[in-house]
């Protein structure tokens, strides 16, 4: 259970970093930020499922950087 919480926290930190990354277009950063809102239901997860492939295909370097910074505990 601790590993799942740690992974969820790391993923949230990485998404927050991606929402602020200037290397990603503004509209895509807005969508990532939208997925971080505490919206009831599966809406926020569905948004991430749509955005994740775009980020993975076109913005791998910013994703890699955000993941490494989230692992190191950086928030800015």
N, C-alpha and C. Protein backbone atom coordinates (compact mmCIF):
# COMPACT_ATOMS: atom_id res chain seq x y z
N UNK A 1 0.81 -1.19 0.00
CA UNK A 1 0.00 0.00 0.00
C UNK A 1 0.86 1.26 0.00
N UNK A 2 1.99 1.23 0.69
CA UNK A 2 2.88 2.39 0.73
C UNK A 2 3.46 2.69 -0.64
N UNK A 3 3.77 1.64 -1.37
CA UNK A 3 4.34 1.85 -2.71
C UNK A 3 3.33 2.51 -3.64
N UNK A 4 2.07 2.11 -3.52
CA UNK A 4 1.03 2.71 -4.35
C UNK A 4 0.84 4.18 -4.01
N UNK A 5 0.87 4.52 -2.73
CA UNK A 5 0.75 5.92 -2.33
C UNK A 5 1.95 6.74 -2.80
N UNK A 6 3.12 6.16 -2.67
CA UNK A 6 4.33 6.85 -3.11
C UNK A 6 4.29 7.09 -4.62
N UNK A 7 3.84 6.11 -5.37
CA UNK A 7 3.74 6.25 -6.83
C UNK A 7 2.70 7.32 -7.19
N UNK A 8 1.57 7.31 -6.51
CA UNK A 8 0.54 8.32 -6.78
C UNK A 8 1.05 9.72 -6.45
N UNK A 9 1.76 9.85 -5.35
CA UNK A 9 2.31 11.16 -4.99
C UNK A 9 3.35 11.62 -6.00
N UNK A 10 4.20 10.72 -6.43
CA UNK A 10 5.22 11.06 -7.42
C UNK A 10 4.58 11.44 -8.75
N UNK A 11 3.55 10.73 -9.14
CA UNK A 11 2.85 11.04 -10.39
C UNK A 11 2.19 12.40 -10.32
N UNK A 12 1.59 12.72 -9.19
CA UNK A 12 0.96 14.04 -9.01
C UNK A 12 2.00 15.15 -9.06
N UNK A 13 3.13 14.95 -8.39
CA UNK A 13 4.20 15.96 -8.44
C UNK A 13 4.71 16.15 -9.87
N UNK A 14 4.88 15.05 -10.60
CA UNK A 14 5.35 15.14 -12.00
C UNK A 14 4.33 15.88 -12.86
N UNK A 15 3.05 15.61 -12.66
CA UNK A 15 2.01 16.30 -13.44
C UNK A 15 2.01 17.79 -13.12
N UNK A 16 2.20 18.14 -11.86
CA UNK A 16 2.28 19.57 -11.50
C UNK A 16 3.46 20.24 -12.19
N UNK A 17 4.57 19.55 -12.24
CA UNK A 17 5.75 20.10 -12.91
C UNK A 17 5.50 20.24 -14.41
N UNK A 18 4.83 19.27 -15.01
CA UNK A 18 4.52 19.34 -16.44
C UNK A 18 3.56 20.49 -16.75
N UNK A 19 2.65 20.75 -15.84
CA UNK A 19 1.69 21.85 -16.05
C UNK A 19 2.37 23.21 -16.07
N UNK A 20 3.59 23.28 -15.52
CA UNK A 20 4.33 24.55 -15.49
C UNK A 20 5.49 24.61 -16.49
N UNK A 21 5.73 23.52 -17.20
CA UNK A 21 6.88 23.44 -18.09
C UNK A 21 6.63 24.24 -19.37
N UNK A 22 7.49 25.20 -19.65
CA UNK A 22 7.34 26.09 -20.81
C UNK A 22 7.66 25.40 -22.13
N UNK A 23 8.25 24.21 -22.10
CA UNK A 23 8.56 23.49 -23.34
C UNK A 23 7.33 22.82 -23.94
N UNK A 24 6.25 22.78 -23.17
CA UNK A 24 5.00 22.18 -23.62
C UNK A 24 4.05 23.31 -23.99
N UNK A 25 3.30 23.17 -25.10
CA UNK A 25 2.37 24.24 -25.50
C UNK A 25 1.37 24.57 -24.39
N UNK A 26 0.97 25.82 -24.38
CA UNK A 26 0.10 26.32 -23.32
C UNK A 26 -1.22 25.54 -23.23
N UNK A 27 -1.82 25.23 -24.37
CA UNK A 27 -3.11 24.52 -24.34
C UNK A 27 -2.96 23.14 -23.70
N UNK A 28 -1.83 22.49 -23.95
CA UNK A 28 -1.61 21.16 -23.39
C UNK A 28 -1.30 21.25 -21.89
N UNK A 29 -0.62 22.31 -21.48
CA UNK A 29 -0.39 22.53 -20.06
C UNK A 29 -1.70 22.77 -19.33
N UNK A 30 -2.63 23.49 -19.97
CA UNK A 30 -3.95 23.72 -19.38
C UNK A 30 -4.69 22.40 -19.18
N UNK A 31 -4.59 21.53 -20.16
CA UNK A 31 -5.28 20.24 -20.05
C UNK A 31 -4.66 19.40 -18.93
N UNK A 32 -3.34 19.42 -18.82
CA UNK A 32 -2.69 18.70 -17.72
C UNK A 32 -3.13 19.30 -16.38
N UNK A 33 -3.21 20.61 -16.30
CA UNK A 33 -3.68 21.26 -15.08
C UNK A 33 -5.13 20.90 -14.76
N UNK A 34 -5.95 20.80 -15.79
CA UNK A 34 -7.34 20.39 -15.62
C UNK A 34 -7.43 19.00 -15.02
N UNK A 35 -6.52 18.14 -15.40
CA UNK A 35 -6.55 16.77 -14.89
C UNK A 35 -6.15 16.70 -13.41
N UNK A 36 -5.53 17.75 -12.90
CA UNK A 36 -5.13 17.79 -11.49
C UNK A 36 -6.24 18.29 -10.56
N UNK A 37 -7.31 18.81 -11.14
CA UNK A 37 -8.42 19.31 -10.32
C UNK A 37 -9.16 18.16 -9.65
N UNK A 38 -9.64 18.37 -8.44
CA UNK A 38 -10.38 17.30 -7.74
C UNK A 38 -11.83 17.20 -8.22
N UNK A 39 -12.01 16.82 -9.44
CA UNK A 39 -13.35 16.69 -10.02
C UNK A 39 -13.89 15.31 -9.69
N UNK A 40 -15.11 15.22 -9.16
CA UNK A 40 -15.65 13.91 -8.83
C UNK A 40 -15.89 13.07 -10.08
N UNK A 41 -15.75 11.79 -9.91
CA UNK A 41 -15.95 10.89 -11.03
C UNK A 41 -14.67 10.64 -11.79
N UNK A 42 -14.77 9.95 -12.89
CA UNK A 42 -13.57 9.56 -13.63
C UNK A 42 -13.09 10.61 -14.64
N UNK A 43 -13.61 11.83 -14.58
CA UNK A 43 -13.26 12.85 -15.58
C UNK A 43 -11.77 13.14 -15.61
N UNK A 44 -11.17 13.38 -14.46
CA UNK A 44 -9.75 13.75 -14.44
C UNK A 44 -8.87 12.59 -14.91
N UNK A 45 -9.23 11.37 -14.58
CA UNK A 45 -8.46 10.23 -15.06
C UNK A 45 -8.60 10.06 -16.58
N UNK A 46 -9.80 10.33 -17.09
CA UNK A 46 -10.02 10.23 -18.53
C UNK A 46 -9.19 11.28 -19.28
N UNK A 47 -9.11 12.47 -18.71
CA UNK A 47 -8.30 13.53 -19.33
C UNK A 47 -6.84 13.10 -19.39
N UNK A 48 -6.34 12.52 -18.30
CA UNK A 48 -4.95 12.05 -18.30
C UNK A 48 -4.72 10.94 -19.31
N UNK A 49 -5.71 10.07 -19.49
CA UNK A 49 -5.56 9.00 -20.48
C UNK A 49 -5.49 9.55 -21.91
N UNK A 50 -6.13 10.68 -22.14
CA UNK A 50 -6.07 11.31 -23.47
C UNK A 50 -4.75 12.06 -23.65
N UNK A 51 -4.31 12.74 -22.60
CA UNK A 51 -3.12 13.59 -22.68
C UNK A 51 -1.82 12.79 -22.62
N UNK A 52 -1.80 11.73 -21.86
CA UNK A 52 -0.56 10.96 -21.66
C UNK A 52 0.08 10.49 -22.97
N UNK A 53 -0.68 9.93 -23.93
CA UNK A 53 -0.03 9.52 -25.18
C UNK A 53 0.58 10.70 -25.96
N UNK A 54 -0.10 11.85 -25.93
CA UNK A 54 0.45 13.03 -26.61
C UNK A 54 1.77 13.45 -25.98
N UNK A 55 1.79 13.48 -24.65
CA UNK A 55 3.02 13.83 -23.97
C UNK A 55 4.11 12.80 -24.23
N UNK A 56 3.74 11.53 -24.21
CA UNK A 56 4.72 10.47 -24.41
C UNK A 56 5.32 10.51 -25.81
N UNK A 57 4.50 10.77 -26.80
CA UNK A 57 4.98 10.75 -28.19
C UNK A 57 5.77 12.02 -28.54
N UNK A 58 5.24 13.18 -28.15
CA UNK A 58 5.82 14.43 -28.62
C UNK A 58 6.70 15.17 -27.59
N UNK A 59 6.53 14.86 -26.31
CA UNK A 59 7.24 15.61 -25.27
C UNK A 59 7.89 14.68 -24.26
N UNK A 60 8.67 13.75 -24.75
CA UNK A 60 9.31 12.78 -23.87
C UNK A 60 10.34 13.41 -22.94
N UNK A 61 11.12 14.32 -23.46
CA UNK A 61 12.17 14.94 -22.64
C UNK A 61 11.57 15.71 -21.46
N UNK A 62 10.55 16.57 -21.68
CA UNK A 62 9.95 17.23 -20.51
C UNK A 62 9.33 16.24 -19.52
N UNK A 63 8.74 15.16 -20.04
CA UNK A 63 8.17 14.15 -19.14
C UNK A 63 9.26 13.47 -18.33
N UNK A 64 10.35 13.13 -18.98
CA UNK A 64 11.47 12.49 -18.29
C UNK A 64 12.03 13.41 -17.20
N UNK A 65 12.20 14.68 -17.55
CA UNK A 65 12.71 15.65 -16.57
C UNK A 65 11.76 15.80 -15.38
N UNK A 66 10.47 15.90 -15.66
CA UNK A 66 9.49 16.05 -14.58
C UNK A 66 9.48 14.82 -13.68
N UNK A 67 9.59 13.64 -14.27
CA UNK A 67 9.59 12.41 -13.48
C UNK A 67 10.82 12.35 -12.57
N UNK A 68 11.98 12.73 -13.11
CA UNK A 68 13.20 12.71 -12.32
C UNK A 68 13.15 13.78 -11.22
N UNK A 69 12.62 14.95 -11.53
CA UNK A 69 12.52 16.01 -10.53
C UNK A 69 11.51 15.64 -9.45
N UNK A 70 10.42 14.97 -9.82
CA UNK A 70 9.42 14.52 -8.84
C UNK A 70 10.03 13.46 -7.93
N UNK A 71 10.87 12.62 -8.47
CA UNK A 71 11.51 11.59 -7.68
C UNK A 71 12.50 12.22 -6.68
N UNK A 72 13.15 13.29 -7.10
CA UNK A 72 14.11 13.98 -6.23
C UNK A 72 13.41 14.86 -5.21
N UNK A 73 12.10 15.04 -5.35
CA UNK A 73 11.35 15.83 -4.39
C UNK A 73 11.26 17.30 -4.74
N UNK A 74 11.60 17.68 -5.95
CA UNK A 74 11.50 19.07 -6.38
C UNK A 74 10.05 19.38 -6.71
N UNK A 75 9.61 20.57 -6.38
CA UNK A 75 8.24 20.96 -6.66
C UNK A 75 8.16 22.15 -7.59
N UNK A 76 9.26 22.78 -7.89
CA UNK A 76 9.23 23.97 -8.76
C UNK A 76 10.06 23.75 -9.97
